[in-house]
Every structure is written in structure tokens, then in C-alpha cells.
């Protein structure tokens, strides 16, 4: 290989790695929680094995109490994505290889868009819940925001500890957007950029200052490469959907549970419900944007004038994922189990891509004929039988 070709490949590797900000999902392999700065990756190679960049490594050492929460967010993203897409041609299996990623998660596909949105939502959700549970002593309860109707109703009292979704979004911005945020900082020429970074890092564990700090969420975003802009937009989608999923939860007070007074607070649903909402957005965007999306202006920035804030964006049409093609990040659907009686995405006709399927008889044991015994427990028999399972050719 010529020196010029080698230089080109090295520069391409740097560009791709800087655009990929979900390598931190490799933290789903962390078994012992990082609860002390000494547990954080110490060398560049250690950080690389967990997909962390330098800024994330500093966050680990300075705010170590966040690491078990981010680790849980990584697990929720990797395994939650697999459940969401278990019956589809693309089933998130490539996420198990992080920090090593194939083209389905690096070249701007709608699958990449979904993973970015889900991962940023998972961080927001986990941190917001951790504030309420007391895992983050410096993070107070979230703001109660009664509606005009409920605030005028004397039966409602906003007293509970609401999930701090605002702080969850701040942590998500700092962690999930770290690779390209550092590029934005490098583009700032004024001498106070270093001080702003110090203020921002300090604000993450200062309960008084984080509410007022200017995080510059979308400032100078046009200076980023198109793929980074795409990732930033989809991270924002995950956070926005999480924030809008907040709902009011109340507890009744009164004589004989009469509920004459309600104590109410704002809370987030289970992350699974948020993931379902994101998958609905993914499905709609797949139908709406048949051409590579979004459109670029003459200066190379995204023309987002006609893009709803909660719409995922992508740059490249996805392969059909029917046959193995490592260049496209497709693992194929051979030997995937399918449902012969279904007509949906998990049906044999769809999942097998017209190749047909093989039938295999398997021996199954399960509990059956269950009944109550006296007052206190259930007794079941074990039934054994043969059943057909179907696998794509």
C-alpha cells in the first residue's frame, strides 16, 4: 500500500470514528459497576475497549456515581433494541459487536437513527429516575408542572418528587453528544471556551448551577459533518420523546380512600414504552422518506426546515437485510425462526425474503393443568409434546 493510500485510510478512520458516538454502548459488558474513579479506564486502549472518548473518560473519573446509571442505559439500549426488532429482518444483532460496528450503524441508515435516539433516551430516562431514587445526592427532584386546570382544582396538591427529566437530558447531552461536541468546542476561537467547559462539567454535579448553565445544545451545529448532524438530530429526538412522555401520577388521601385530596407528581413511564414510541417514529420515517434524507444546503448543512423535531433523519437507504453482506452491515436472515401463521414482519413470507423455510420438530416441556392446592399454592403437571418450528432457508 502506498503512503498516500495509507494516509487516506487513516484519515477516513478518524472521520468515521469521530462520527460514531454509540461505541459507549460497549459498557453493556460491564459486570462490576464503576463506583470509584479507580474503576474507570486508565489508558487509551482501555477506553477504546469500552468505546469511550477522552471527555467521557474524564466524566467517569469526575462523576463516577453516574457510571452505574450509564451502564444500565447501555444494557437497556442493546437488549431493548433486540426485543423491539426480534421479529424483523434487521434485529439489532450487530449492536452486540460494539465498540466494533458495521455499516448498518455507521453509514447513516434509519437503523442507526433508531439506535442513537434510543440510547440518548435511555440515558435521559435512567438519570431522571436516579435523581428520585437518591442515587445522585446532588440531583434534586424535578420540577412539578401542574396544568392550569389542575392548579385551580383544590383537590390537587403537587407535593411528590417528580422525575428530573431536565437533568437527565443534560447528562445525555454531555455524554451521548461528546464526540462532535468536542469538535464544536474546537471551532470556538474565543479564549473563554476552556472556562465554559469547566463550568459545564462542574454544573453536572452542582445542584444549584446545573439549572442555569448554558449547555449550547445546538450552537454551531452547522460546522459539523453531515453524519454528525444526523446523529445530533436523532439524539435530540430520543430526549424530546422522553421528555414528552412525562405524565401525572397521583396518590389519594382521605377518609376511607375517598380521595378528597390528591398528591401528584410527574413521572416517566417504563423505558419500554418510550422505545415503542421511538419505533413508531422509525416506522413512519421509513415510509415517508423513500429517498436519501435529509436534503443539504449549498453550505453542506442539513435543510431541516421541513423536518419535524420528532422525526428521525437518515442519509442512506437501508439494505433489505435478506442476505449476508458485511459491506452493508447485513447479517442476513438464514436460520432465523419465523411464524408460519403470521402475516406481519415476523412471518415466514417476510422474514425469509421468498426463499422458503424448513420445518423442524422439537420436543417441548411446559407446565399445564395448574390448580390451587388448599389455600396457599399452585400445583401444575408437566406436559410433553412435539411441535413444529420454522426456520428460514
Protein backbone atom coordinates (compact mmCIF):
# COMPACT_ATOMS: atom_id res chain seq x y z
CA UNK A 1 0.00 0.00 0.00
CA UNK A 2 1.36 3.40 -0.95
CA UNK A 3 1.93 6.06 1.73
CA UNK A 4 -0.77 8.23 0.14
CA UNK A 5 -3.32 5.39 0.27
CA UNK A 6 -2.39 4.63 3.88
CA UNK A 7 -2.80 8.29 4.81
CA UNK A 8 -6.23 8.31 3.15
CA UNK A 9 -7.38 5.25 5.07
CA UNK A 10 -6.14 6.68 8.35
CA UNK A 11 -7.96 9.97 7.75
CA UNK A 12 -11.10 8.06 6.80
CA UNK A 13 -10.89 6.02 10.00
CA UNK A 14 -10.60 9.19 12.09
CA UNK A 15 -13.59 10.73 10.31
CA UNK A 16 -15.79 7.66 10.79
CA UNK A 17 -14.78 7.15 14.43
CA UNK A 18 -15.50 10.79 15.25
CA UNK A 19 -18.96 10.47 13.72
CA UNK A 20 -19.79 7.34 15.69
CA UNK A 21 -20.93 8.18 19.20
CA UNK A 22 -22.63 4.93 20.23
CA UNK A 23 -19.45 2.97 20.85
CA UNK A 24 -20.00 3.63 24.56
CA UNK A 25 -22.78 1.01 24.34
CA UNK A 26 -19.92 -1.48 24.84
CA UNK A 27 -20.45 -0.64 28.52
CA UNK A 28 -23.28 -3.18 28.44
CA UNK A 29 -20.48 -5.70 29.09
CA UNK A 30 -19.50 -4.05 32.39
CA UNK A 31 -20.26 -6.61 35.11
CA UNK A 32 -18.85 -4.87 38.18
CA UNK A 33 -20.24 -1.32 38.41
CA UNK A 34 -17.75 1.52 38.23
CA UNK A 35 -18.35 3.18 41.60
CA UNK A 36 -14.89 4.64 42.18
CA UNK A 37 -12.60 6.72 39.92
CA UNK A 38 -10.07 3.88 40.13
CA UNK A 39 -12.54 1.65 38.25
CA UNK A 40 -12.56 3.93 35.20
CA UNK A 41 -10.48 3.01 32.13
CA UNK A 42 -6.99 4.38 32.68
CA UNK A 43 -5.34 4.12 29.26
CA UNK A 44 -6.38 4.94 25.71
CA UNK A 45 -6.66 1.23 24.90
CA UNK A 46 -8.85 0.64 27.97
CA UNK A 47 -11.15 3.47 26.96
CA UNK A 48 -11.26 2.18 23.41
CA UNK A 49 -12.38 -1.28 24.55
CA UNK A 50 -15.46 0.36 26.11
CA UNK A 51 -15.94 2.84 23.27
CA UNK A 52 -15.20 5.93 25.38
CA UNK A 53 -13.51 9.08 24.17
CA UNK A 54 -11.32 11.32 26.31
CA UNK A 55 -14.17 13.55 27.50
CA UNK A 56 -16.26 10.56 28.59
CA UNK A 57 -13.21 9.19 30.40
CA UNK A 58 -12.92 12.45 32.34
CA UNK A 59 -16.62 12.33 33.19
CA UNK A 60 -16.11 8.81 34.52
CA UNK A 61 -13.35 9.97 36.87
CA UNK A 62 -15.05 13.19 37.98
CA UNK A 63 -18.66 11.98 38.28
CA UNK A 64 -18.22 8.27 38.92
CA UNK A 65 -21.65 7.91 40.52
CA UNK A 66 -23.13 8.37 37.04
CA UNK A 67 -21.36 5.30 35.64
CA UNK A 68 -23.67 2.55 37.02
CA UNK A 69 -26.59 4.54 35.61
CA UNK A 70 -24.99 4.93 32.18
CA UNK A 71 -24.04 1.23 32.23
CA UNK A 72 -27.69 0.37 32.82
CA UNK A 73 -28.69 2.68 29.95
CA UNK A 74 -26.26 0.80 27.69
CA UNK A 75 -27.79 -2.55 28.67
CA UNK A 76 -31.32 -1.21 28.11
CA UNK A 77 -30.35 0.04 24.66
CA UNK A 78 -28.58 -3.11 23.45
CA UNK A 79 -31.03 -5.67 24.81
CA UNK A 80 -34.11 -3.47 24.48
CA UNK A 81 -33.36 -2.88 20.80
CA UNK A 82 -33.06 -6.64 20.28
CA UNK A 83 -36.53 -7.16 21.80
CA UNK A 84 -38.06 -4.32 19.78
CA UNK A 85 -36.83 -5.80 16.48
CA UNK A 86 -36.77 -9.51 17.29
CA UNK A 87 -39.27 -10.33 14.53
CA UNK A 88 -37.74 -8.10 11.84
CA UNK A 89 -35.10 -8.66 9.21
CA UNK A 90 -32.78 -6.23 10.98
CA UNK A 91 -32.83 -7.36 14.60
CA UNK A 92 -30.13 -5.22 16.27
CA UNK A 93 -27.76 -8.19 16.45
CA UNK A 94 -24.91 -6.02 15.13
CA UNK A 95 -25.07 -3.99 18.36
CA UNK A 96 -23.60 -6.95 20.22
CA UNK A 97 -20.28 -6.23 18.48
CA UNK A 98 -19.81 -2.74 19.95
CA UNK A 99 -17.41 -0.97 20.05
CA UNK A 100 -16.81 -2.56 16.62
CA UNK A 101 -19.65 -1.53 14.33
CA UNK A 102 -20.71 -2.49 10.83
CA UNK A 103 -22.06 -0.19 8.15
CA UNK A 104 -25.67 -0.54 9.30
CA UNK A 105 -24.73 1.61 12.31
CA UNK A 106 -22.09 3.90 10.78
CA UNK A 107 -23.19 4.89 7.26
CA UNK A 108 -26.31 6.89 8.04
CA UNK A 109 -29.15 4.33 7.83
CA UNK A 110 -32.51 4.61 9.57
CA UNK A 111 -31.42 1.75 11.85
CA UNK A 112 -28.54 3.91 13.00
CA UNK A 113 -31.04 6.72 13.59
CA UNK A 114 -33.13 4.50 15.85
CA UNK A 115 -30.17 3.32 17.94
CA UNK A 116 -28.98 6.88 18.53
CA UNK A 117 -32.47 8.01 19.55
CA UNK A 118 -32.95 5.04 21.88
CA UNK A 119 -29.54 5.35 23.53
CA UNK A 120 -29.95 9.06 24.30
CA UNK A 121 -33.48 8.37 25.59
CA UNK A 122 -32.17 5.57 27.83
CA UNK A 123 -29.62 7.87 29.47
CA UNK A 124 -32.23 10.58 29.99
CA UNK A 125 -34.66 8.08 31.49
CA UNK A 126 -32.16 6.38 33.80
CA UNK A 127 -30.70 9.62 35.15
CA UNK A 128 -34.14 11.18 35.70
CA UNK A 129 -35.20 8.13 37.72
CA UNK A 130 -31.90 8.03 39.64
CA UNK A 131 -32.49 11.57 40.91
CA UNK A 132 -35.75 10.45 42.52
CA UNK A 133 -34.34 7.23 43.98
CA UNK A 134 -31.48 9.06 45.71
CA UNK A 135 -28.66 7.52 43.67
CA UNK A 136 -27.45 11.02 42.81
CA UNK A 137 -27.43 13.02 46.06
CA UNK A 138 -26.63 16.30 44.30
CA UNK A 139 -29.61 15.95 41.93
CA UNK A 140 -32.90 17.26 43.38
CA UNK A 141 -36.42 16.28 42.45
CA UNK A 142 -37.69 17.53 39.12
CA UNK A 143 -40.00 20.48 38.79
CA UNK A 144 -43.70 19.87 39.30
CA UNK A 145 -45.64 21.49 36.49
CA UNK A 146 -49.38 21.41 37.15
CA UNK A 147 -51.68 22.37 34.34
CA UNK A 148 -53.91 25.41 34.58
CA UNK A 149 -56.92 23.17 35.23
CA UNK A 150 -55.34 21.09 37.98
CA UNK A 151 -53.69 24.09 39.66
CA UNK A 152 -57.12 25.71 40.01
CA UNK A 153 -58.56 22.48 41.42
CA UNK A 154 -58.18 22.41 45.24
CA UNK A 155 -58.22 18.59 45.25
CA UNK A 156 -54.75 18.52 43.64
CA UNK A 157 -51.60 19.16 45.64
CA UNK A 158 -48.28 18.98 43.83
CA UNK A 159 -46.12 17.51 46.57
CA UNK A 160 -44.46 14.37 45.23
CA UNK A 161 -40.90 14.04 43.93
CA UNK A 162 -41.07 14.31 40.15
CA UNK A 163 -38.56 12.60 37.87
CA UNK A 164 -35.83 15.10 37.00
CA UNK A 165 -36.03 14.74 33.23
CA UNK A 166 -34.27 18.08 32.78
CA UNK A 167 -31.09 16.83 34.45
CA UNK A 168 -31.39 13.54 32.57
CA UNK A 169 -31.38 15.45 29.28
CA UNK A 170 -28.34 17.48 30.38
CA UNK A 171 -26.33 14.36 31.20
CA UNK A 172 -27.46 12.80 27.92
CA UNK A 173 -26.24 15.88 26.01
CA UNK A 174 -22.85 15.77 27.68
CA UNK A 175 -22.33 12.02 27.34
CA UNK A 176 -24.08 10.94 24.13
CA UNK A 177 -23.09 14.01 22.09
CA UNK A 178 -19.49 14.07 23.35
CA UNK A 179 -17.56 13.27 20.13
CA UNK A 180 -18.95 16.08 17.99
CA UNK A 181 -19.45 18.50 20.88
CA UNK A 182 -15.66 18.48 21.29
CA UNK A 183 -15.38 19.43 17.61
CA UNK A 184 -17.78 22.33 18.15
CA UNK A 185 -15.65 23.49 21.08
CA UNK A 186 -12.51 23.31 18.95
CA UNK A 187 -14.17 25.61 16.41
CA UNK A 188 -14.76 28.30 19.02
CA UNK A 189 -12.00 30.86 18.85
CA UNK A 190 -12.63 32.89 21.98
CA UNK A 191 -10.36 32.35 24.96
CA UNK A 192 -13.22 31.55 27.37
CA UNK A 193 -14.09 28.18 25.74
CA UNK A 194 -11.98 26.27 28.27
CA UNK A 195 -13.68 28.05 31.17
CA UNK A 196 -17.12 27.24 29.71
CA UNK A 197 -16.15 23.56 29.54
CA UNK A 198 -15.06 23.64 33.19
CA UNK A 199 -18.30 25.37 34.17
CA UNK A 200 -20.34 22.81 32.25
CA UNK A 201 -18.56 19.84 33.85
CA UNK A 202 -18.94 21.38 37.31
CA UNK A 203 -22.63 22.04 36.66
CA UNK A 204 -23.28 18.33 36.20
CA UNK A 205 -22.75 17.69 39.91
CA UNK A 206 -23.74 21.05 41.37
CA UNK A 207 -27.44 21.05 42.25
CA UNK A 208 -27.65 24.84 42.17
CA UNK A 209 -25.78 25.66 38.97
CA UNK A 210 -26.90 22.97 36.55
CA UNK A 211 -30.35 24.55 36.26
CA UNK A 212 -28.92 27.77 34.82
CA UNK A 213 -25.85 26.71 32.83
CA UNK A 214 -25.85 27.34 29.08
CA UNK A 215 -25.07 23.98 27.51
CA UNK A 216 -25.24 25.25 23.92
CA UNK A 217 -27.19 22.22 22.71
CA UNK A 218 -27.39 23.14 19.04
CA UNK A 219 -24.93 26.01 18.77
CA UNK A 220 -22.55 25.85 15.81
CA UNK A 221 -24.15 22.57 14.71
CA UNK A 222 -23.74 23.61 11.06
CA UNK A 223 -19.99 23.34 11.48
CA UNK A 224 -20.32 19.56 11.84
CA UNK A 225 -20.10 16.93 9.12
CA UNK A 226 -23.49 15.72 7.76
CA UNK A 227 -23.33 12.39 9.58
CA UNK A 228 -22.64 14.12 12.89
CA UNK A 229 -25.57 16.46 12.26
CA UNK A 230 -27.75 13.43 11.65
CA UNK A 231 -26.62 11.80 14.90
CA UNK A 232 -27.16 15.02 16.85
CA UNK A 233 -30.69 15.37 15.47
CA UNK A 234 -31.64 11.78 16.34
CA UNK A 235 -30.16 12.07 19.83
CA UNK A 236 -32.39 15.11 20.28
CA UNK A 237 -35.40 13.07 19.10
CA UNK A 238 -34.76 10.48 21.81
CA UNK A 239 -34.55 13.14 24.50
CA UNK A 240 -37.63 15.02 23.27
CA UNK A 241 -39.76 11.87 23.13
CA UNK A 242 -38.64 11.02 26.66
CA UNK A 243 -39.49 14.48 27.95
CA UNK A 244 -42.92 14.43 26.29
CA UNK A 245 -43.64 11.00 27.81
CA UNK A 246 -43.87 12.51 31.29
CA UNK A 247 -47.30 12.06 32.84
CA UNK A 248 -49.03 12.97 36.09
CA UNK A 249 -49.27 10.33 38.79
CA UNK A 250 -51.39 10.85 41.88
CA UNK A 251 -51.97 9.27 45.27
CA UNK A 252 -55.32 9.62 47.01
CA UNK A 253 -55.74 10.90 50.56
CA UNK A 254 -58.95 11.00 52.56
CA UNK A 255 -61.22 9.08 54.88
CA UNK A 256 -61.85 5.52 53.67
CA UNK A 257 -59.90 6.21 50.49
CA UNK A 258 -62.40 8.88 49.49
CA UNK A 259 -59.69 10.69 47.52
CA UNK A 260 -60.79 14.13 48.70
CA UNK A 261 -57.20 15.29 48.16
CA UNK A 262 -54.64 14.03 45.66
CA UNK A 263 -50.89 14.34 45.97
CA UNK A 264 -49.48 14.47 42.45
CA UNK A 265 -46.12 14.46 40.74
CA UNK A 266 -44.71 13.99 37.24
CA UNK A 267 -43.12 10.70 36.31
CA UNK A 268 -41.77 8.85 33.29
CA UNK A 269 -43.17 5.55 32.00
CA UNK A 270 -41.08 2.42 31.64
CA UNK A 271 -38.30 2.72 29.05
CA UNK A 272 -40.07 0.01 27.01
CA UNK A 273 -42.97 2.37 26.36
CA UNK A 274 -40.57 5.08 25.20
CA UNK A 275 -38.83 2.55 22.94
CA UNK A 276 -42.19 1.66 21.40
CA UNK A 277 -42.84 5.33 20.63
CA UNK A 278 -39.42 5.61 19.00
CA UNK A 279 -40.09 2.51 16.92
CA UNK A 280 -43.34 4.06 15.71
CA UNK A 281 -41.36 7.13 14.60
CA UNK A 282 -38.83 4.82 12.93
CA UNK A 283 -41.62 3.06 11.03
CA UNK A 284 -43.19 6.31 9.87
CA UNK A 285 -39.89 7.80 8.77
CA UNK A 286 -39.15 4.63 6.78
CA UNK A 287 -42.42 5.14 4.90
CA UNK A 288 -42.13 8.88 4.39
CA UNK A 289 -38.54 9.24 3.26
CA UNK A 290 -38.13 6.96 0.27
CA UNK A 291 -35.17 8.98 -0.98
CA UNK A 292 -31.95 9.52 0.99
CA UNK A 293 -32.74 12.11 3.60
CA UNK A 294 -32.25 14.88 4.62
CA UNK A 295 -31.66 17.49 1.93
CA UNK A 296 -28.45 19.51 2.18
CA UNK A 297 -27.99 23.20 1.58
CA UNK A 298 -25.21 24.62 -0.56
CA UNK A 299 -23.01 25.06 2.52
CA UNK A 300 -23.35 21.35 3.38
CA UNK A 301 -25.65 21.79 6.37
CA UNK A 302 -28.96 19.98 6.79
CA UNK A 303 -32.04 21.72 5.43
CA UNK A 304 -34.30 20.89 8.34
CA UNK A 305 -36.99 23.46 7.58
CA UNK A 306 -39.48 20.72 6.70
CA UNK A 307 -38.30 18.16 9.26
CA UNK A 308 -40.46 17.86 12.40
CA UNK A 309 -38.37 17.87 15.56
CA UNK A 310 -39.60 14.40 16.48
CA UNK A 311 -38.89 12.91 13.06
CA UNK A 312 -35.79 10.76 12.72
CA UNK A 313 -33.49 11.64 9.85
CA UNK A 314 -31.16 9.41 7.88
CA UNK A 315 -28.74 9.80 4.99
CA UNK A 316 -28.70 6.44 3.23
CA UNK A 317 -31.33 3.95 2.16
CA UNK A 318 -31.05 0.70 4.12
CA UNK A 319 -30.38 -2.68 2.51
CA UNK A 320 -33.16 -5.26 2.75
CA UNK A 321 -31.06 -7.32 5.20
CA UNK A 322 -32.17 -10.53 3.47
CA UNK A 323 -28.74 -11.93 2.62
CA UNK A 324 -25.38 -11.61 4.38
CA UNK A 325 -23.43 -8.59 3.16
CA UNK A 326 -20.82 -7.32 5.58
CA UNK A 327 -20.17 -4.29 3.37
CA UNK A 328 -23.75 -3.16 4.08
CA UNK A 329 -23.78 -4.42 7.66
CA UNK A 330 -26.34 -7.11 6.81
CA UNK A 331 -26.14 -10.46 8.59
CA UNK A 332 -28.97 -11.98 6.54
CA UNK A 333 -31.99 -13.92 7.81
CA UNK A 334 -30.88 -17.51 7.15
CA UNK A 335 -31.79 -19.86 10.01
CA UNK A 336 -33.95 -17.19 11.67
CA UNK A 337 -37.09 -18.62 13.29
CA UNK A 338 -40.29 -17.37 11.66
CA UNK A 339 -44.04 -17.58 12.24
CA UNK A 340 -45.79 -19.55 9.51
CA UNK A 341 -49.28 -18.43 10.56
CA UNK A 342 -48.47 -14.71 10.74
CA UNK A 343 -48.71 -12.07 8.02
CA UNK A 344 -46.63 -9.44 9.82
CA UNK A 345 -42.94 -8.64 9.95
CA UNK A 346 -42.11 -11.93 11.66
CA UNK A 347 -43.94 -14.07 9.15
CA UNK A 348 -42.05 -16.66 7.14
CA UNK A 349 -43.04 -14.94 3.89
CA UNK A 350 -41.49 -11.64 5.02
CA UNK A 351 -38.58 -12.77 7.17
CA UNK A 352 -37.37 -15.42 4.72
CA UNK A 353 -37.47 -12.99 1.76
CA UNK A 354 -39.16 -15.52 -0.54
CA UNK A 355 -36.51 -18.23 -0.03
CA UNK A 356 -38.89 -20.51 1.84
CA UNK A 357 -38.37 -22.20 5.17
CA UNK A 358 -37.52 -25.53 6.77
CA UNK A 359 -39.76 -27.27 9.29
CA UNK A 360 -38.24 -28.87 12.35
CA UNK A 361 -39.99 -30.85 15.07
CA UNK A 362 -38.85 -30.03 18.59
CA UNK A 363 -39.71 -31.62 21.92
CA UNK A 364 -41.29 -29.17 24.33
CA UNK A 365 -41.97 -29.42 28.06
CA UNK A 366 -44.13 -26.91 29.88
CA UNK A 367 -46.34 -26.60 32.94
CA UNK A 368 -50.00 -27.39 32.38
CA UNK A 369 -53.23 -28.36 34.18
CA UNK A 370 -52.42 -25.97 37.03
CA UNK A 371 -54.72 -25.92 40.05
CA UNK A 372 -54.91 -24.44 43.51
CA UNK A 373 -54.00 -26.75 46.40
CA UNK A 374 -55.83 -25.84 49.61
CA UNK A 375 -55.35 -22.11 50.08
CA UNK A 376 -51.80 -21.28 49.50
CA UNK A 377 -50.05 -22.56 46.41
CA UNK A 378 -50.50 -23.71 42.83
CA UNK A 379 -49.57 -27.17 41.63
CA UNK A 380 -49.00 -27.94 37.94
CA UNK A 381 -48.33 -31.01 35.86
CA UNK A 382 -45.57 -31.17 33.25
CA UNK A 383 -46.86 -31.72 29.75
CA UNK A 384 -44.58 -33.05 27.00
CA UNK A 385 -45.35 -32.80 23.33
CA UNK A 386 -43.88 -32.26 19.90
CA UNK A 387 -44.34 -29.04 17.96
CA UNK A 388 -43.23 -27.65 14.63
CA UNK A 389 -40.82 -24.74 14.38
CA UNK A 390 -39.95 -22.97 11.17
CA UNK A 391 -36.57 -21.59 10.09
CA UNK A 392 -35.70 -19.52 7.05
CA UNK A 393 -33.69 -21.19 4.30
